[in-house]
C-alpha atoms as a PDB file:
ATOM      1  CA  UNK A   1     -18.518  38.434 -65.912  1.00  0.00           C
ATOM      2  CA  UNK A   2     -15.636  40.241 -65.308  1.00  0.00           C
ATOM      3  CA  UNK A   3     -14.983  42.342 -61.836  1.00  0.00           C
ATOM      4  CA  UNK A   4     -12.937  44.696 -60.379  1.00  0.00           C
ATOM      5  CA  UNK A   5     -11.822  44.430 -56.579  1.00  0.00           C
ATOM      6  CA  UNK A   6      -9.992  46.906 -54.567  1.00  0.00           C
ATOM      7  CA  UNK A   7      -8.420  46.229 -50.934  1.00  0.00           C
ATOM      8  CA  UNK A   8      -7.928  42.716 -52.332  1.00  0.00           C
ATOM      9  CA  UNK A   9      -5.944  41.273 -50.070  1.00  0.00           C
ATOM     10  CA  UNK A  10      -8.424  41.866 -47.303  1.00  0.00           C
ATOM     11  CA  UNK A  11     -10.604  39.396 -45.353  1.00  0.00           C
ATOM     12  CA  UNK A  12     -13.535  40.256 -47.624  1.00  0.00           C
ATOM     13  CA  UNK A  13     -11.343  41.231 -50.675  1.00  0.00           C
ATOM     14  CA  UNK A  14      -9.918  37.229 -50.201  1.00  0.00           C
ATOM     15  CA  UNK A  15     -13.423  35.944 -50.077  1.00  0.00           C
ATOM     16  CA  UNK A  16     -14.569  37.737 -52.829  1.00  0.00           C
ATOM     17  CA  UNK A  17     -12.142  36.499 -55.130  1.00  0.00           C
ATOM     18  CA  UNK A  18     -12.704  32.840 -53.767  1.00  0.00           C
ATOM     19  CA  UNK A  19     -16.653  33.217 -54.608  1.00  0.00           C
ATOM     20  CA  UNK A  20     -15.570  34.538 -58.058  1.00  0.00           C
ATOM     21  CA  UNK A  21     -13.200  31.638 -58.807  1.00  0.00           C
ATOM     22  CA  UNK A  22     -15.692  29.289 -57.790  1.00  0.00           C
ATOM     23  CA  UNK A  23     -18.158  30.867 -60.278  1.00  0.00           C
ATOM     24  CA  UNK A  24     -15.234  31.010 -63.068  1.00  0.00           C
ATOM     25  CA  UNK A  25     -15.802  35.163 -62.893  1.00  0.00           C
ATOM     26  CA  UNK A  26     -12.673  36.933 -64.244  1.00  0.00           C
ATOM     27  CA  UNK A  27     -10.989  39.182 -61.227  1.00  0.00           C
ATOM     28  CA  UNK A  28      -8.500  42.311 -61.675  1.00  0.00           C
ATOM     29  CA  UNK A  29      -7.410  42.698 -57.935  1.00  0.00           C
ATOM     30  CA  UNK A  30      -5.889  45.601 -56.830  1.00  0.00           C
ATOM     31  CA  UNK A  31      -3.612  45.717 -53.877  1.00  0.00           C
ATOM     32  CA  UNK A  32      -1.503  47.816 -52.075  1.00  0.00           C
ATOM     33  CA  UNK A  33       2.202  48.331 -53.231  1.00  0.00           C
ATOM     34  CA  UNK A  34       4.593  45.646 -51.336  1.00  0.00           C
ATOM     35  CA  UNK A  35       1.222  44.262 -49.319  1.00  0.00           C
ATOM     36  CA  UNK A  36       2.444  41.849 -46.830  1.00  0.00           C
ATOM     37  CA  UNK A  37      -1.238  40.183 -47.338  1.00  0.00           C
ATOM     38  CA  UNK A  38      -0.419  39.529 -51.202  1.00  0.00           C
ATOM     39  CA  UNK A  39       0.406  36.050 -51.113  1.00  0.00           C
ATOM     40  CA  UNK A  40      -3.050  35.314 -49.340  1.00  0.00           C
ATOM     41  CA  UNK A  41      -4.925  35.877 -52.654  1.00  0.00           C
ATOM     42  CA  UNK A  42      -5.654  33.031 -54.356  1.00  0.00           C
ATOM     43  CA  UNK A  43      -3.523  31.530 -57.220  1.00  0.00           C
ATOM     44  CA  UNK A  44      -5.954  31.186 -60.331  1.00  0.00           C
ATOM     45  CA  UNK A  45      -5.718  32.256 -63.805  1.00  0.00           C
ATOM     46  CA  UNK A  46      -8.952  34.205 -63.590  1.00  0.00           C
ATOM     47  CA  UNK A  47      -6.928  36.572 -61.300  1.00  0.00           C
ATOM     48  CA  UNK A  48      -4.824  39.537 -62.522  1.00  0.00           C
ATOM     49  CA  UNK A  49      -3.295  41.069 -59.826  1.00  0.00           C
ATOM     50  CA  UNK A  50      -2.039  44.934 -60.064  1.00  0.00           C
ATOM     51  CA  UNK A  51       0.031  46.949 -57.126  1.00  0.00           C
ATOM     52  CA  UNK A  52      -1.580  50.661 -56.565  1.00  0.00           C
ATOM     53  CA  UNK A  53      -1.559  52.454 -53.441  1.00  0.00           C
ATOM     54  CA  UNK A  54      -5.308  54.332 -52.588  1.00  0.00           C
ATOM     55  CA  UNK A  55      -3.452  57.626 -53.035  1.00  0.00           C
ATOM     56  CA  UNK A  56      -2.343  56.853 -56.576  1.00  0.00           C
ATOM     57  CA  UNK A  57      -5.877  56.319 -57.930  1.00  0.00           C
ATOM     58  CA  UNK A  58      -6.111  59.189 -59.819  1.00  0.00           C
ATOM     59  CA  UNK A  59      -2.851  58.554 -61.842  1.00  0.00           C
ATOM     60  CA  UNK A  60      -3.758  54.873 -61.688  1.00  0.00           C
ATOM     61  CA  UNK A  61      -6.812  55.821 -63.752  1.00  0.00           C
ATOM     62  CA  UNK A  62      -4.636  56.697 -67.012  1.00  0.00           C
ATOM     63  CA  UNK A  63      -3.018  53.510 -67.138  1.00  0.00           C
ATOM     64  CA  UNK A  64      -5.537  50.911 -66.828  1.00  0.00           C
ATOM     65  CA  UNK A  65      -7.439  49.661 -69.838  1.00  0.00           C
ATOM     66  CA  UNK A  66      -9.943  47.018 -70.742  1.00  0.00           C
ATOM     67  CA  UNK A  67     -13.293  46.293 -69.926  1.00  0.00           C
ATOM     68  CA  UNK A  68     -14.868  45.054 -67.093  1.00  0.00           C
ATOM     69  CA  UNK A  69     -18.479  44.788 -65.427  1.00  0.00           C
ATOM     70  CA  UNK A  70     -18.457  45.285 -61.503  1.00  0.00           C
ATOM     71  CA  UNK A  71     -16.448  47.597 -59.892  1.00  0.00           C
ATOM     72  CA  UNK A  72     -16.107  46.236 -55.818  1.00  0.00           C
ATOM     73  CA  UNK A  73     -14.467  49.190 -53.809  1.00  0.00           C
ATOM     74  CA  UNK A  74     -13.435  47.419 -50.449  1.00  0.00           C
ATOM     75  CA  UNK A  75     -10.367  49.216 -49.980  1.00  0.00           C
ATOM     76  CA  UNK A  76     -10.109  52.098 -47.314  1.00  0.00           C
ATOM     77  CA  UNK A  77      -6.990  53.359 -44.922  1.00  0.00           C
ATOM     78  CA  UNK A  78      -6.861  53.556 -41.569  1.00  0.00           C
ATOM     79  CA  UNK A  79      -9.578  51.198 -39.898  1.00  0.00           C
ATOM     80  CA  UNK A  80      -7.762  49.887 -36.681  1.00  0.00           C
ATOM     81  CA  UNK A  81      -9.403  50.993 -33.549  1.00  0.00           C
ATOM     82  CA  UNK A  82      -7.345  53.490 -32.532  1.00  0.00           C
ATOM     83  CA  UNK A  83      -7.868  55.157 -36.096  1.00  0.00           C
ATOM     84  CA  UNK A  84     -11.298  55.784 -35.961  1.00  0.00           C
ATOM     85  CA  UNK A  85     -11.168  59.741 -35.508  1.00  0.00           C
ATOM     86  CA  UNK A  86      -8.419  60.520 -38.075  1.00  0.00           C
ATOM     87  CA  UNK A  87      -9.999  63.149 -39.707  1.00  0.00           C
ATOM     88  CA  UNK A  88      -7.323  63.739 -41.732  1.00  0.00           C
ATOM     89  CA  UNK A  89      -7.171  60.230 -43.135  1.00  0.00           C
ATOM     90  CA  UNK A  90     -11.047  59.636 -43.489  1.00  0.00           C
ATOM     91  CA  UNK A  91     -11.484  62.748 -45.111  1.00  0.00           C
ATOM     92  CA  UNK A  92      -9.200  61.153 -48.198  1.00  0.00           C
ATOM     93  CA  UNK A  93     -10.767  57.933 -47.775  1.00  0.00           C
ATOM     94  CA  UNK A  94     -13.799  59.733 -49.239  1.00  0.00           C
ATOM     95  CA  UNK A  95     -11.680  61.070 -52.658  1.00  0.00           C
ATOM     96  CA  UNK A  96     -10.351  57.570 -52.944  1.00  0.00           C
ATOM     97  CA  UNK A  97     -14.029  56.318 -53.270  1.00  0.00           C
ATOM     98  CA  UNK A  98     -14.421  59.023 -55.789  1.00  0.00           C
ATOM     99  CA  UNK A  99     -11.139  58.336 -57.188  1.00  0.00           C
ATOM    100  CA  UNK A 100     -12.482  54.584 -57.847  1.00  0.00           C
ATOM    101  CA  UNK A 101     -15.612  55.617 -59.263  1.00  0.00           C
ATOM    102  CA  UNK A 102     -13.763  57.405 -61.913  1.00  0.00           C
ATOM    103  CA  UNK A 103     -11.235  53.742 -62.351  1.00  0.00           C
ATOM    104  CA  UNK A 104     -14.908  52.200 -62.668  1.00  0.00           C
ATOM    105  CA  UNK A 105     -15.787  54.287 -65.538  1.00  0.00           C
ATOM    106  CA  UNK A 106     -12.379  53.919 -67.069  1.00  0.00           C
ATOM    107  CA  UNK A 107     -12.985  50.583 -67.234  1.00  0.00           C
ATOM    108  CA  UNK A 108     -16.867  50.860 -68.372  1.00  0.00           C
ATOM    109  CA  UNK A 109     -18.065  48.931 -65.226  1.00  0.00           C
ATOM    110  CA  UNK A 110     -21.998  49.192 -65.229  1.00  0.00           C
ATOM    111  CA  UNK A 111     -21.929  48.943 -61.340  1.00  0.00           C
ATOM    112  CA  UNK A 112     -20.513  49.956 -58.616  1.00  0.00           C
ATOM    113  CA  UNK A 113     -20.829  48.668 -54.964  1.00  0.00           C
ATOM    114  CA  UNK A 114     -18.793  50.188 -52.470  1.00  0.00           C
ATOM    115  CA  UNK A 115     -18.341  48.841 -48.904  1.00  0.00           C
ATOM    116  CA  UNK A 116     -19.669  51.118 -46.294  1.00  0.00           C
ATOM    117  CA  UNK A 117     -20.114  50.069 -42.263  1.00  0.00           C
ATOM    118  CA  UNK A 118     -22.616  49.635 -39.659  1.00  0.00           C
ATOM    119  CA  UNK A 119     -20.728  52.537 -38.092  1.00  0.00           C
ATOM    120  CA  UNK A 120     -22.813  55.227 -40.489  1.00  0.00           C
ATOM    121  CA  UNK A 121     -25.960  54.325 -37.920  1.00  0.00           C
ATOM    122  CA  UNK A 122     -24.500  55.732 -34.793  1.00  0.00           C
ATOM    123  CA  UNK A 123     -25.720  53.856 -31.627  1.00  0.00           C
ATOM    124  CA  UNK A 124     -29.204  52.702 -31.757  1.00  0.00           C
ATOM    125  CA  UNK A 125     -31.421  50.146 -29.427  1.00  0.00           C
ATOM    126  CA  UNK A 126     -33.236  48.314 -32.137  1.00  0.00           C
ATOM    127  CA  UNK A 127     -33.144  46.619 -35.253  1.00  0.00           C
ATOM    128  CA  UNK A 128     -31.022  48.327 -37.888  1.00  0.00           C
ATOM    129  CA  UNK A 129     -32.792  48.393 -41.566  1.00  0.00           C
ATOM    130  CA  UNK A 130     -31.319  49.847 -44.811  1.00  0.00           C
ATOM    131  CA  UNK A 131     -33.168  53.267 -44.446  1.00  0.00           C
ATOM    132  CA  UNK A 132     -32.911  53.430 -40.631  1.00  0.00           C
ATOM    133  CA  UNK A 133     -31.690  57.100 -40.119  1.00  0.00           C
ATOM    134  CA  UNK A 134     -27.640  57.769 -40.052  1.00  0.00           C
ATOM    135  CA  UNK A 135     -25.915  59.490 -37.190  1.00  0.00           C
ATOM    136  CA  UNK A 136     -22.391  58.573 -37.211  1.00  0.00           C
ATOM    137  CA  UNK A 137     -20.560  59.583 -34.077  1.00  0.00           C
ATOM    138  CA  UNK A 138     -16.616  58.523 -35.432  1.00  0.00           C
ATOM    139  CA  UNK A 139     -15.071  60.145 -38.618  1.00  0.00           C
ATOM    140  CA  UNK A 140     -14.783  56.513 -39.383  1.00  0.00           C
ATOM    141  CA  UNK A 141     -18.426  56.379 -39.838  1.00  0.00           C
ATOM    142  CA  UNK A 142     -18.827  59.905 -40.956  1.00  0.00           C
ATOM    143  CA  UNK A 143     -16.371  59.322 -44.035  1.00  0.00           C
ATOM    144  CA  UNK A 144     -18.171  55.940 -44.428  1.00  0.00           C
ATOM    145  CA  UNK A 145     -21.539  57.724 -45.217  1.00  0.00           C
ATOM    146  CA  UNK A 146     -20.231  60.662 -47.446  1.00  0.00           C
ATOM    147  CA  UNK A 147     -18.056  58.514 -49.234  1.00  0.00           C
ATOM    148  CA  UNK A 148     -21.460  56.262 -50.165  1.00  0.00           C
ATOM    149  CA  UNK A 149     -23.814  59.703 -50.864  1.00  0.00           C
ATOM    150  CA  UNK A 150     -21.088  61.399 -53.297  1.00  0.00           C
ATOM    151  CA  UNK A 151     -20.380  57.893 -55.369  1.00  0.00           C
ATOM    152  CA  UNK A 152     -23.791  58.039 -55.350  1.00  0.00           C
ATOM    153  CA  UNK A 153     -23.715  61.203 -56.943  1.00  0.00           C
ATOM    154  CA  UNK A 154     -20.543  60.631 -59.226  1.00  0.00           C
ATOM    155  CA  UNK A 155     -22.014  57.168 -60.272  1.00  0.00           C
ATOM    156  CA  UNK A 156     -25.366  58.530 -61.506  1.00  0.00           C
ATOM    157  CA  UNK A 157     -22.941  61.277 -63.614  1.00  0.00           C
ATOM    158  CA  UNK A 158     -21.309  58.274 -65.626  1.00  0.00           C
ATOM    159  CA  UNK A 159     -24.383  56.307 -65.996  1.00  0.00           C
ATOM    160  CA  UNK A 160     -22.927  53.616 -63.496  1.00  0.00           C
ATOM    161  CA  UNK A 161     -25.255  51.674 -61.292  1.00  0.00           C
ATOM    162  CA  UNK A 162     -24.439  52.333 -57.503  1.00  0.00           C
ATOM    163  CA  UNK A 163     -24.895  50.185 -54.853  1.00  0.00           C
ATOM    164  CA  UNK A 164     -23.676  50.778 -51.382  1.00  0.00           C
ATOM    165  CA  UNK A 165     -23.367  47.814 -48.482  1.00  0.00           C
ATOM    166  CA  UNK A 166     -23.460  48.527 -44.847  1.00  0.00           C
ATOM    167  CA  UNK A 167     -21.271  45.867 -43.450  1.00  0.00           C
ATOM    168  CA  UNK A 168     -21.939  44.523 -39.896  1.00  0.00           C
ATOM    169  CA  UNK A 169     -19.449  41.995 -38.186  1.00  0.00           C
ATOM    170  CA  UNK A 170     -18.107  39.765 -40.715  1.00  0.00           C
ATOM    171  CA  UNK A 171     -15.401  37.333 -39.266  1.00  0.00           C
ATOM    172  CA  UNK A 172     -13.443  34.402 -40.557  1.00  0.00           C
ATOM    173  CA  UNK A 173      -9.579  33.841 -42.282  1.00  0.00           C
ATOM    174  CA  UNK A 174      -7.473  36.862 -43.144  1.00  0.00           C
ATOM    175  CA  UNK A 175      -9.452  39.082 -40.303  1.00  0.00           C
ATOM    176  CA  UNK A 176      -7.578  41.892 -38.399  1.00  0.00           C
ATOM    177  CA  UNK A 177      -5.891  40.388 -35.232  1.00  0.00           C
ATOM    178  CA  UNK A 178      -7.377  43.123 -33.364  1.00  0.00           C
ATOM    179  CA  UNK A 179     -11.145  41.730 -33.704  1.00  0.00           C
ATOM    180  CA  UNK A 180     -12.662  40.371 -30.680  1.00  0.00           C
ATOM    181  CA  UNK A 181     -12.983  36.691 -32.516  1.00  0.00           C
ATOM    182  CA  UNK A 182      -9.276  36.855 -33.546  1.00  0.00           C
ATOM    183  CA  UNK A 183      -7.992  38.130 -29.983  1.00  0.00           C
ATOM    184  CA  UNK A 184     -10.513  35.486 -28.512  1.00  0.00           C
ATOM    185  CA  UNK A 185      -8.909  32.565 -30.521  1.00  0.00           C
ATOM    186  CA  UNK A 186      -5.643  33.725 -30.623  1.00  0.00           C
ATOM    187  CA  UNK A 187      -5.402  34.019 -26.744  1.00  0.00           C
ATOM    188  CA  UNK A 188      -7.551  30.788 -26.036  1.00  0.00           C
ATOM    189  CA  UNK A 189      -5.465  28.733 -28.710  1.00  0.00           C
ATOM    190  CA  UNK A 190      -2.448  29.690 -26.544  1.00  0.00           C
ATOM    191  CA  UNK A 191      -3.910  28.647 -23.122  1.00  0.00           C
ATOM    192  CA  UNK A 192      -4.392  32.238 -21.779  1.00  0.00           C
ATOM    193  CA  UNK A 193      -7.276  33.787 -20.366  1.00  0.00           C
ATOM    194  CA  UNK A 194      -8.663  36.590 -23.050  1.00  0.00           C
ATOM    195  CA  UNK A 195      -9.444  39.907 -20.830  1.00  0.00           C
ATOM    196  CA  UNK A 196     -12.857  41.080 -21.951  1.00  0.00           C
ATOM    197  CA  UNK A 197     -16.216  43.707 -21.117  1.00  0.00           C
ATOM    198  CA  UNK A 198     -18.720  42.137 -19.701  1.00  0.00           C
ATOM    199  CA  UNK A 199     -19.993  41.458 -22.761  1.00  0.00           C
ATOM    200  CA  UNK A 200     -23.650  42.660 -22.686  1.00  0.00           C
ATOM    201  CA  UNK A 201     -23.599  44.147 -26.303  1.00  0.00           C
ATOM    202  CA  UNK A 202     -26.356  42.500 -28.679  1.00  0.00           C
ATOM    203  CA  UNK A 203     -24.164  41.418 -31.912  1.00  0.00           C
ATOM    204  CA  UNK A 204     -24.483  39.989 -35.509  1.00  0.00           C
ATOM    205  CA  UNK A 205     -21.719  38.098 -36.874  1.00  0.00           C
ATOM    206  CA  UNK A 206     -21.173  36.803 -40.298  1.00  0.00           C
ATOM    207  CA  UNK A 207     -19.106  34.825 -41.579  1.00  0.00           C
ATOM    208  CA  UNK A 208     -16.523  35.975 -44.637  1.00  0.00           C
ATOM    209  CA  UNK A 209     -17.775  33.395 -46.766  1.00  0.00           C
ATOM    210  CA  UNK A 210     -21.520  34.287 -46.779  1.00  0.00           C
ATOM    211  CA  UNK A 211     -20.554  38.463 -46.797  1.00  0.00           C
ATOM    212  CA  UNK A 212     -18.756  37.649 -50.193  1.00  0.00           C
ATOM    213  CA  UNK A 213     -21.702  35.771 -51.534  1.00  0.00           C
ATOM    214  CA  UNK A 214     -24.000  38.233 -50.641  1.00  0.00           C
ATOM    215  CA  UNK A 215     -21.571  40.615 -52.609  1.00  0.00           C
ATOM    216  CA  UNK A 216     -21.494  38.506 -55.245  1.00  0.00           C
ATOM    217  CA  UNK A 217     -25.281  37.850 -55.756  1.00  0.00           C
ATOM    218  CA  UNK A 218     -25.395  41.982 -55.689  1.00  0.00           C
ATOM    219  CA  UNK A 219     -23.538  42.153 -58.498  1.00  0.00           C
ATOM    220  CA  UNK A 220     -26.462  40.527 -60.776  1.00  0.00           C
ATOM    221  CA  UNK A 221     -29.730  41.165 -58.416  1.00  0.00           C
ATOM    222  CA  UNK A 222     -29.023  44.482 -56.541  1.00  0.00           C
ATOM    223  CA  UNK A 223     -31.136  47.541 -57.518  1.00  0.00           C
ATOM    224  CA  UNK A 224     -29.449  51.021 -58.745  1.00  0.00           C
ATOM    225  CA  UNK A 225     -28.948  53.822 -55.817  1.00  0.00           C
ATOM    226  CA  UNK A 226     -29.909  51.038 -52.921  1.00  0.00           C
ATOM    227  CA  UNK A 227     -28.551  50.687 -49.892  1.00  0.00           C
ATOM    228  CA  UNK A 228     -28.320  47.295 -47.791  1.00  0.00           C
ATOM    229  CA  UNK A 229     -26.982  45.757 -44.887  1.00  0.00           C
ATOM    230  CA  UNK A 230     -24.693  42.847 -45.041  1.00  0.00           C
ATOM    231  CA  UNK A 231     -25.125  40.631 -41.909  1.00  0.00           C
ATOM    232  CA  UNK A 232     -26.622  37.557 -40.540  1.00  0.00           C
ATOM    233  CA  UNK A 233     -29.930  39.090 -39.487  1.00  0.00           C
ATOM    234  CA  UNK A 234     -29.928  37.158 -36.086  1.00  0.00           C
ATOM    235  CA  UNK A 235     -28.267  38.659 -33.059  1.00  0.00           C
ATOM    236  CA  UNK A 236     -27.252  37.422 -29.615  1.00  0.00           C
ATOM    237  CA  UNK A 237     -25.153  38.620 -26.597  1.00  0.00           C
ATOM    238  CA  UNK A 238     -21.758  38.983 -26.968  1.00  0.00           C
ATOM    239  CA  UNK A 239     -20.731  36.460 -23.898  1.00  0.00           C
ATOM    240  CA  UNK A 240     -22.840  33.593 -25.804  1.00  0.00           C
ATOM    241  CA  UNK A 241     -20.030  34.072 -28.482  1.00  0.00           C
ATOM    242  CA  UNK A 242     -17.097  33.746 -26.461  1.00  0.00           C
ATOM    243  CA  UNK A 243     -18.573  30.960 -24.722  1.00  0.00           C
ATOM    244  CA  UNK A 244     -19.187  29.411 -27.873  1.00  0.00           C
ATOM    245  CA  UNK A 245     -15.437  30.489 -29.096  1.00  0.00           C
ATOM    246  CA  UNK A 246     -13.767  28.965 -25.767  1.00  0.00           C
ATOM    247  CA  UNK A 247     -15.534  25.183 -25.791  1.00  0.00           C
ATOM    248  CA  UNK A 248     -14.351  24.733 -29.537  1.00  0.00           C
ATOM    249  CA  UNK A 249     -11.206  25.353 -28.027  1.00  0.00           C
ATOM    250  CA  UNK A 250     -11.320  24.188 -24.430  1.00  0.00           C
ATOM    251  CA  UNK A 251     -14.211  24.380 -22.507  1.00  0.00           C
ATOM    252  CA  UNK A 252     -11.695  24.330 -19.380  1.00  0.00           C
ATOM    253  CA  UNK A 253     -10.259  27.721 -20.305  1.00  0.00           C
ATOM    254  CA  UNK A 254     -11.022  30.506 -18.521  1.00  0.00           C
ATOM    255  CA  UNK A 255     -12.519  33.874 -20.123  1.00  0.00           C
ATOM    256  CA  UNK A 256     -12.044  36.853 -18.491  1.00  0.00           C
ATOM    257  CA  UNK A 257     -15.602  38.827 -18.761  1.00  0.00           C
ATOM    258  CA  UNK A 258     -16.187  41.383 -16.858  1.00  0.00           C
ATOM    259  CA  UNK A 259     -12.563  42.765 -16.645  1.00  0.00           C
ATOM    260  CA  UNK A 260     -12.399  45.211 -19.164  1.00  0.00           C
ATOM    261  CA  UNK A 261     -14.465  48.178 -18.304  1.00  0.00           C
ATOM    262  CA  UNK A 262     -16.340  49.581 -21.866  1.00  0.00           C
ATOM    263  CA  UNK A 263     -15.329  52.265 -23.810  1.00  0.00           C
ATOM    264  CA  UNK A 264     -16.957  55.634 -23.777  1.00  0.00           C
ATOM    265  CA  UNK A 265     -19.488  55.485 -26.343  1.00  0.00           C
ATOM    266  CA  UNK A 266     -19.702  51.808 -26.781  1.00  0.00           C
ATOM    267  CA  UNK A 267     -22.262  50.449 -28.700  1.00  0.00           C
ATOM    268  CA  UNK A 268     -24.184  48.003 -26.665  1.00  0.00           C
ATOM    269  CA  UNK A 269     -26.764  46.698 -29.429  1.00  0.00           C
ATOM    270  CA  UNK A 270     -25.957  45.911 -32.912  1.00  0.00           C
ATOM    271  CA  UNK A 271     -28.872  43.783 -34.845  1.00  0.00           C
ATOM    272  CA  UNK A 272     -29.481  44.081 -38.626  1.00  0.00           C
ATOM    273  CA  UNK A 273     -32.637  43.706 -41.022  1.00  0.00           C
ATOM    274  CA  UNK A 274     -31.646  42.167 -43.908  1.00  0.00           C
ATOM    275  CA  UNK A 275     -35.077  41.574 -45.486  1.00  0.00           C
ATOM    276  CA  UNK A 276     -34.070  43.960 -48.662  1.00  0.00           C
ATOM    277  CA  UNK A 277     -31.136  41.758 -49.246  1.00  0.00           C
ATOM    278  CA  UNK A 278     -32.908  38.429 -49.127  1.00  0.00           C
ATOM    279  CA  UNK A 279     -35.754  39.980 -51.337  1.00  0.00           C
ATOM    280  CA  UNK A 280     -33.411  41.348 -54.084  1.00  0.00           C
ATOM    281  CA  UNK A 281     -30.860  38.675 -54.247  1.00  0.00           C
ATOM    282  CA  UNK A 282     -32.277  35.340 -52.120  1.00  0.00           C
ATOM    283  CA  UNK A 283     -29.205  35.480 -50.056  1.00  0.00           C
ATOM    284  CA  UNK A 284     -29.311  33.459 -46.607  1.00  0.00           C
ATOM    285  CA  UNK A 285     -26.402  32.824 -45.168  1.00  0.00           C
ATOM    286  CA  UNK A 286     -25.133  29.412 -44.664  1.00  0.00           C
ATOM    287  CA  UNK A 287     -22.538  29.092 -42.168  1.00  0.00           C
ATOM    288  CA  UNK A 288     -23.961  29.120 -38.311  1.00  0.00           C
ATOM    289  CA  UNK A 289     -21.444  30.718 -36.120  1.00  0.00           C
ATOM    290  CA  UNK A 290     -19.960  27.317 -34.799  1.00  0.00           C
ATOM    291  CA  UNK A 291     -19.362  26.365 -38.294  1.00  0.00           C
ATOM    292  CA  UNK A 292     -17.328  29.900 -38.706  1.00  0.00           C
ATOM    293  CA  UNK A 293     -15.456  29.655 -35.999  1.00  0.00           C
ATOM    294  CA  UNK A 294     -14.390  26.207 -36.763  1.00  0.00           C
ATOM    295  CA  UNK A 295     -12.843  27.339 -39.940  1.00  0.00           C
ATOM    296  CA  UNK A 296     -11.163  30.180 -38.535  1.00  0.00           C
ATOM    297  CA  UNK A 297      -9.714  28.231 -35.911  1.00  0.00           C
ATOM    298  CA  UNK A 298      -8.586  25.698 -38.464  1.00  0.00           C
ATOM    299  CA  UNK A 299      -6.816  28.469 -40.434  1.00  0.00           C
ATOM    300  CA  UNK A 300      -4.727  30.045 -37.780  1.00  0.00           C
ATOM    301  CA  UNK A 301      -3.973  26.502 -36.694  1.00  0.00           C
ATOM    302  CA  UNK A 302      -2.723  25.835 -40.098  1.00  0.00           C
ATOM    303  CA  UNK A 303      -0.889  29.175 -40.292  1.00  0.00           C
ATOM    304  CA  UNK A 304       0.901  28.413 -36.673  1.00  0.00           C
ATOM    305  CA  UNK A 305       2.597  24.722 -38.031  1.00  0.00           C
END
């Protein structure tokens, strides 16, 4: 099997590439031009790195060649919390996803797997399965939903199997510093108190290596024109996760729970049903939250030396 990965320097892209190396799979890794994260991508004869920005995918299609089997589209522009309602940027992300389908077709890929988000569902107060009605409230969530639906139509026209995944809260090495997990770890490692909301939210966390393995399994066993939730399937109060992080670093450190007000439209319940993923692929999460955080802390410390 030979695969293509966009967004190859992201946390999930790096984890997926590492999974491919373990399985002796060749990877065409597409990264942004002059990406500051390119050195994080594992070094292997199996990996062929190509630089191309999202806005140049249309032209890039005409310059690539060869035959591949699976196309993973993980790249997405403007993913920070501050950019979630950047309508213009996320409208372009829909176009870039459709351009990615054209690259997949040019490279003779049989399957296209696109990275959607739990943000497509909007706010719910119950366990979410892949058939739950979507009511996205942000430009980010709306564009992810639209990209999934439109890329499915385009894949069907090309005769390419289409799989869409809605990713919940994945964490681990190479994650963005603005996420709650990375913010808390870095603050606590510095001996500082993180300032947080009341942390009453019910949340589902999955370690990045497990998320990558789910993606890898879907390439072989996922069903055409189907959406899958990628999550652990286990949810707990956010305060419990934070205290676990603190205790793994230093149980004597203070955590500022309740110091920050909830933002408008705060999602309070984010729990995923992954029974379809388990049934179709046999996927079972391997890392506990404690194990994943230990690995993440070790990675951060290793980068600080």
